[in-house]
């Protein structure tokens, strides 16, 4: 059953608004996913303040064009558009994790990040970047690790001086 013109305009308007507000956008192919898995994926994206939308590719292209971003990449098969509103990388992390579990049914095909379209390889690399808290803890570990080394070195120098003074 074809979609009415009014419904298409509504879908394009919603997509345009969502794309305009989002910090990052992800495109994924989802052929063969069960309803239960899609529902779980939608919940995972919602927890990350993201929106999972399925629309016709022509409507997706029109929405991007109307939002000032001309979609130049090829979108094969059935396409889901995930728009992230909080953390730019969280949608890529969630999608990468889900794609590893559902290799045959879910595939990342690209995205829009920091003002430019990215291919599938780059989108997957963005998904491999840890979260902000993990990056902070790694930074602190490096800083504290070097501080510990300096303290250990100074302690060894002090011990060696005490040993030479006692002789």
C-alpha atoms as a PDB file:
ATOM      1  CA  UNK A   1       0.000   0.000   0.000  1.00  0.00           C
ATOM      2  CA  UNK A   2       1.569   3.320  -1.061  1.00  0.00           C
ATOM      3  CA  UNK A   3       2.213   6.091   1.424  1.00  0.00           C
ATOM      4  CA  UNK A   4       0.146   9.244   0.962  1.00  0.00           C
ATOM      5  CA  UNK A   5       1.856  12.523   0.115  1.00  0.00           C
ATOM      6  CA  UNK A   6       0.866  13.984   3.478  1.00  0.00           C
ATOM      7  CA  UNK A   7       2.420  11.031   5.313  1.00  0.00           C
ATOM      8  CA  UNK A   8       5.619  11.353   3.250  1.00  0.00           C
ATOM      9  CA  UNK A   9       5.814  15.068   4.089  1.00  0.00           C
ATOM     10  CA  UNK A  10       5.323  14.237   7.754  1.00  0.00           C
ATOM     11  CA  UNK A  11       8.097  11.612   7.665  1.00  0.00           C
ATOM     12  CA  UNK A  12      10.474  13.987   5.879  1.00  0.00           C
ATOM     13  CA  UNK A  13       9.663  16.779   8.351  1.00  0.00           C
ATOM     14  CA  UNK A  14      10.292  14.529  11.346  1.00  0.00           C
ATOM     15  CA  UNK A  15      13.554  13.230   9.854  1.00  0.00           C
ATOM     16  CA  UNK A  16      14.702  16.754   8.941  1.00  0.00           C
ATOM     17  CA  UNK A  17      14.056  17.979  12.493  1.00  0.00           C
ATOM     18  CA  UNK A  18      15.784  14.956  14.003  1.00  0.00           C
ATOM     19  CA  UNK A  19      18.805  15.307  11.727  1.00  0.00           C
ATOM     20  CA  UNK A  20      19.011  19.016  12.460  1.00  0.00           C
ATOM     21  CA  UNK A  21      19.094  18.469  16.235  1.00  0.00           C
ATOM     22  CA  UNK A  22      21.441  15.470  16.209  1.00  0.00           C
ATOM     23  CA  UNK A  23      25.160  15.586  16.892  1.00  0.00           C
ATOM     24  CA  UNK A  24      25.841  12.474  14.803  1.00  0.00           C
ATOM     25  CA  UNK A  25      23.905  10.205  12.444  1.00  0.00           C
ATOM     26  CA  UNK A  26      24.463   6.531  11.684  1.00  0.00           C
ATOM     27  CA  UNK A  27      23.149   4.491   8.744  1.00  0.00           C
ATOM     28  CA  UNK A  28      22.677   0.753   9.145  1.00  0.00           C
ATOM     29  CA  UNK A  29      21.313  -2.132   7.096  1.00  0.00           C
ATOM     30  CA  UNK A  30      19.013  -4.296   9.192  1.00  0.00           C
ATOM     31  CA  UNK A  31      17.590  -6.991   6.901  1.00  0.00           C
ATOM     32  CA  UNK A  32      16.477 -10.126   8.731  1.00  0.00           C
ATOM     33  CA  UNK A  33      16.286  -8.828  12.302  1.00  0.00           C
ATOM     34  CA  UNK A  34      13.450 -10.116  14.431  1.00  0.00           C
ATOM     35  CA  UNK A  35      11.040  -7.689  16.058  1.00  0.00           C
ATOM     36  CA  UNK A  36      12.385  -8.597  19.501  1.00  0.00           C
ATOM     37  CA  UNK A  37      15.973  -7.771  18.480  1.00  0.00           C
ATOM     38  CA  UNK A  38      14.941  -4.475  16.866  1.00  0.00           C
ATOM     39  CA  UNK A  39      13.014  -3.581  20.017  1.00  0.00           C
ATOM     40  CA  UNK A  40      16.079  -4.328  22.156  1.00  0.00           C
ATOM     41  CA  UNK A  41      18.239  -2.257  19.824  1.00  0.00           C
ATOM     42  CA  UNK A  42      15.799   0.670  19.995  1.00  0.00           C
ATOM     43  CA  UNK A  43      15.933   0.496  23.804  1.00  0.00           C
ATOM     44  CA  UNK A  44      19.728   0.493  23.754  1.00  0.00           C
ATOM     45  CA  UNK A  45      19.731   3.587  21.555  1.00  0.00           C
ATOM     46  CA  UNK A  46      17.101   5.290  23.719  1.00  0.00           C
ATOM     47  CA  UNK A  47      19.331   4.779  26.782  1.00  0.00           C
ATOM     48  CA  UNK A  48      22.021   6.707  24.888  1.00  0.00           C
ATOM     49  CA  UNK A  49      19.586   9.524  23.987  1.00  0.00           C
ATOM     50  CA  UNK A  50      19.360   8.462  20.349  1.00  0.00           C
ATOM     51  CA  UNK A  51      16.516   7.938  17.899  1.00  0.00           C
ATOM     52  CA  UNK A  52      16.230   4.849  15.651  1.00  0.00           C
ATOM     53  CA  UNK A  53      14.110   5.494  12.545  1.00  0.00           C
ATOM     54  CA  UNK A  54      13.336   3.427   9.472  1.00  0.00           C
ATOM     55  CA  UNK A  55      12.244   5.259   6.322  1.00  0.00           C
ATOM     56  CA  UNK A  56      12.420   4.966   2.550  1.00  0.00           C
ATOM     57  CA  UNK A  57      15.805   5.930   1.136  1.00  0.00           C
ATOM     58  CA  UNK A  58      14.318   8.631  -1.083  1.00  0.00           C
ATOM     59  CA  UNK A  59      12.669  10.243   1.944  1.00  0.00           C
ATOM     60  CA  UNK A  60      15.952  10.052   3.862  1.00  0.00           C
ATOM     61  CA  UNK A  61      17.739  11.808   0.980  1.00  0.00           C
ATOM     62  CA  UNK A  62      15.067  14.534   0.810  1.00  0.00           C
ATOM     63  CA  UNK A  63      15.275  15.088   4.590  1.00  0.00           C
ATOM     64  CA  UNK A  64      19.061  15.449   4.421  1.00  0.00           C
ATOM     65  CA  UNK A  65      18.816  17.816   1.467  1.00  0.00           C
ATOM     66  CA  UNK A  66      16.252  19.947   3.309  1.00  0.00           C
ATOM     67  CA  UNK A  67      18.461  20.045   6.409  1.00  0.00           C
ATOM     68  CA  UNK A  68      21.323  21.453   4.332  1.00  0.00           C
ATOM     69  CA  UNK A  69      23.370  18.261   4.035  1.00  0.00           C
ATOM     70  CA  UNK A  70      23.380  16.587   0.636  1.00  0.00           C
ATOM     71  CA  UNK A  71      23.539  12.802   1.137  1.00  0.00           C
ATOM     72  CA  UNK A  72      26.103  11.579  -1.386  1.00  0.00           C
ATOM     73  CA  UNK A  73      26.740   8.054  -0.100  1.00  0.00           C
ATOM     74  CA  UNK A  74      25.022   4.945  -1.423  1.00  0.00           C
ATOM     75  CA  UNK A  75      22.471   3.353   0.912  1.00  0.00           C
ATOM     76  CA  UNK A  76      22.032  -0.320  -0.029  1.00  0.00           C
ATOM     77  CA  UNK A  77      19.029  -2.371   1.108  1.00  0.00           C
ATOM     78  CA  UNK A  78      16.727  -1.485   3.982  1.00  0.00           C
ATOM     79  CA  UNK A  79      18.154   1.444   5.915  1.00  0.00           C
ATOM     80  CA  UNK A  80      17.784   2.576   9.500  1.00  0.00           C
ATOM     81  CA  UNK A  81      18.792   6.086  10.512  1.00  0.00           C
ATOM     82  CA  UNK A  82      20.084   6.532  14.059  1.00  0.00           C
ATOM     83  CA  UNK A  83      20.400  10.093  15.323  1.00  0.00           C
ATOM     84  CA  UNK A  84      22.406  10.761  18.467  1.00  0.00           C
ATOM     85  CA  UNK A  85      21.638  13.807  20.587  1.00  0.00           C
ATOM     86  CA  UNK A  86      23.964  13.529  23.609  1.00  0.00           C
ATOM     87  CA  UNK A  87      27.325  11.825  23.104  1.00  0.00           C
ATOM     88  CA  UNK A  88      28.388  11.821  19.452  1.00  0.00           C
ATOM     89  CA  UNK A  89      30.147   8.479  19.668  1.00  0.00           C
ATOM     90  CA  UNK A  90      27.602   6.539  21.723  1.00  0.00           C
ATOM     91  CA  UNK A  91      25.463   5.569  18.718  1.00  0.00           C
ATOM     92  CA  UNK A  92      28.524   4.199  16.948  1.00  0.00           C
ATOM     93  CA  UNK A  93      29.503   2.165  20.042  1.00  0.00           C
ATOM     94  CA  UNK A  94      26.010   0.695  20.476  1.00  0.00           C
ATOM     95  CA  UNK A  95      25.732  -0.119  16.770  1.00  0.00           C
ATOM     96  CA  UNK A  96      29.212  -1.690  16.662  1.00  0.00           C
ATOM     97  CA  UNK A  97      28.450  -3.896  19.644  1.00  0.00           C
ATOM     98  CA  UNK A  98      25.131  -4.973  18.153  1.00  0.00           C
ATOM     99  CA  UNK A  99      26.689  -5.558  14.713  1.00  0.00           C
ATOM    100  CA  UNK A 100      29.232  -7.955  16.252  1.00  0.00           C
ATOM    101  CA  UNK A 101      26.386 -10.037  17.724  1.00  0.00           C
ATOM    102  CA  UNK A 102      24.165  -9.905  14.633  1.00  0.00           C
ATOM    103  CA  UNK A 103      26.722 -10.150  11.813  1.00  0.00           C
ATOM    104  CA  UNK A 104      24.332 -11.380   9.139  1.00  0.00           C
ATOM    105  CA  UNK A 105      21.322  -9.213   9.973  1.00  0.00           C
ATOM    106  CA  UNK A 106      22.795  -5.833  11.025  1.00  0.00           C
ATOM    107  CA  UNK A 107      25.544  -3.922   9.270  1.00  0.00           C
ATOM    108  CA  UNK A 108      26.851  -0.383   9.680  1.00  0.00           C
ATOM    109  CA  UNK A 109      26.989   1.291   6.263  1.00  0.00           C
ATOM    110  CA  UNK A 110      28.141   4.790   7.204  1.00  0.00           C
ATOM    111  CA  UNK A 111      27.219   7.927   9.032  1.00  0.00           C
ATOM    112  CA  UNK A 112      27.444  11.669   9.438  1.00  0.00           C
ATOM    113  CA  UNK A 113      29.967  12.878  12.010  1.00  0.00           C
ATOM    114  CA  UNK A 114      31.411  16.364  12.662  1.00  0.00           C
ATOM    115  CA  UNK A 115      30.014  17.889   9.478  1.00  0.00           C
ATOM    116  CA  UNK A 116      30.990  15.202   7.023  1.00  0.00           C
ATOM    117  CA  UNK A 117      29.787  11.842   5.806  1.00  0.00           C
ATOM    118  CA  UNK A 118      31.883   8.852   6.854  1.00  0.00           C
ATOM    119  CA  UNK A 119      32.097   5.411   5.312  1.00  0.00           C
ATOM    120  CA  UNK A 120      31.438   2.099   7.067  1.00  0.00           C
ATOM    121  CA  UNK A 121      35.085   1.583   8.022  1.00  0.00           C
ATOM    122  CA  UNK A 122      35.337   4.985   9.700  1.00  0.00           C
ATOM    123  CA  UNK A 123      31.973   4.516  11.437  1.00  0.00           C
ATOM    124  CA  UNK A 124      33.176   1.191  12.864  1.00  0.00           C
ATOM    125  CA  UNK A 125      36.408   2.843  14.058  1.00  0.00           C
ATOM    126  CA  UNK A 126      34.355   5.533  15.798  1.00  0.00           C
ATOM    127  CA  UNK A 127      32.477   2.724  17.543  1.00  0.00           C
ATOM    128  CA  UNK A 128      35.746   1.361  18.909  1.00  0.00           C
ATOM    129  CA  UNK A 129      36.569   4.584  20.785  1.00  0.00           C
ATOM    130  CA  UNK A 130      35.787   4.123  24.477  1.00  0.00           C
ATOM    131  CA  UNK A 131      33.370   6.364  26.349  1.00  0.00           C
ATOM    132  CA  UNK A 132      34.317   9.627  28.019  1.00  0.00           C
ATOM    133  CA  UNK A 133      34.589   8.079  31.508  1.00  0.00           C
ATOM    134  CA  UNK A 134      36.843   5.300  30.210  1.00  0.00           C
ATOM    135  CA  UNK A 135      39.080   7.832  28.457  1.00  0.00           C
ATOM    136  CA  UNK A 136      39.309   9.894  31.669  1.00  0.00           C
ATOM    137  CA  UNK A 137      40.295   6.821  33.658  1.00  0.00           C
ATOM    138  CA  UNK A 138      42.937   5.885  31.067  1.00  0.00           C
ATOM    139  CA  UNK A 139      44.356   9.420  31.230  1.00  0.00           C
ATOM    140  CA  UNK A 140      44.455   9.330  35.024  1.00  0.00           C
ATOM    141  CA  UNK A 141      46.153   5.938  34.907  1.00  0.00           C
ATOM    142  CA  UNK A 142      48.883   7.343  32.665  1.00  0.00           C
ATOM    143  CA  UNK A 143      49.345  10.421  34.848  1.00  0.00           C
ATOM    144  CA  UNK A 144      49.397   8.445  38.099  1.00  0.00           C
ATOM    145  CA  UNK A 145      51.632   5.768  36.571  1.00  0.00           C
ATOM    146  CA  UNK A 146      54.297   8.325  35.743  1.00  0.00           C
ATOM    147  CA  UNK A 147      53.948   9.920  39.193  1.00  0.00           C
ATOM    148  CA  UNK A 148      54.435   6.528  40.839  1.00  0.00           C
ATOM    149  CA  UNK A 149      57.580   5.943  38.775  1.00  0.00           C
ATOM    150  CA  UNK A 150      59.034   9.295  39.879  1.00  0.00           C
ATOM    151  CA  UNK A 151      58.223   8.559  43.536  1.00  0.00           C
ATOM    152  CA  UNK A 152      59.779   5.084  43.233  1.00  0.00           C
ATOM    153  CA  UNK A 153      62.891   6.525  41.586  1.00  0.00           C
ATOM    154  CA  UNK A 154      63.298   9.173  44.296  1.00  0.00           C
ATOM    155  CA  UNK A 155      62.838   6.504  46.979  1.00  0.00           C
ATOM    156  CA  UNK A 156      65.554   4.365  45.387  1.00  0.00           C
ATOM    157  CA  UNK A 157      67.923   7.357  45.251  1.00  0.00           C
ATOM    158  CA  UNK A 158      67.251   8.088  48.928  1.00  0.00           C
ATOM    159  CA  UNK A 159      67.849   4.424  49.864  1.00  0.00           C
ATOM    160  CA  UNK A 160      71.109   4.306  47.937  1.00  0.00           C
ATOM    161  CA  UNK A 161      72.329   7.499  49.695  1.00  0.00           C
ATOM    162  CA  UNK A 162      71.471   6.034  53.097  1.00  0.00           C
ATOM    163  CA  UNK A 163      73.350   2.857  52.214  1.00  0.00           C
ATOM    164  CA  UNK A 164      76.471   4.750  51.074  1.00  0.00           C
ATOM    165  CA  UNK A 165      76.402   7.000  54.181  1.00  0.00           C
ATOM    166  CA  UNK A 166      76.290   3.973  56.484  1.00  0.00           C
ATOM    167  CA  UNK A 167      79.377   2.425  54.959  1.00  0.00           C
END
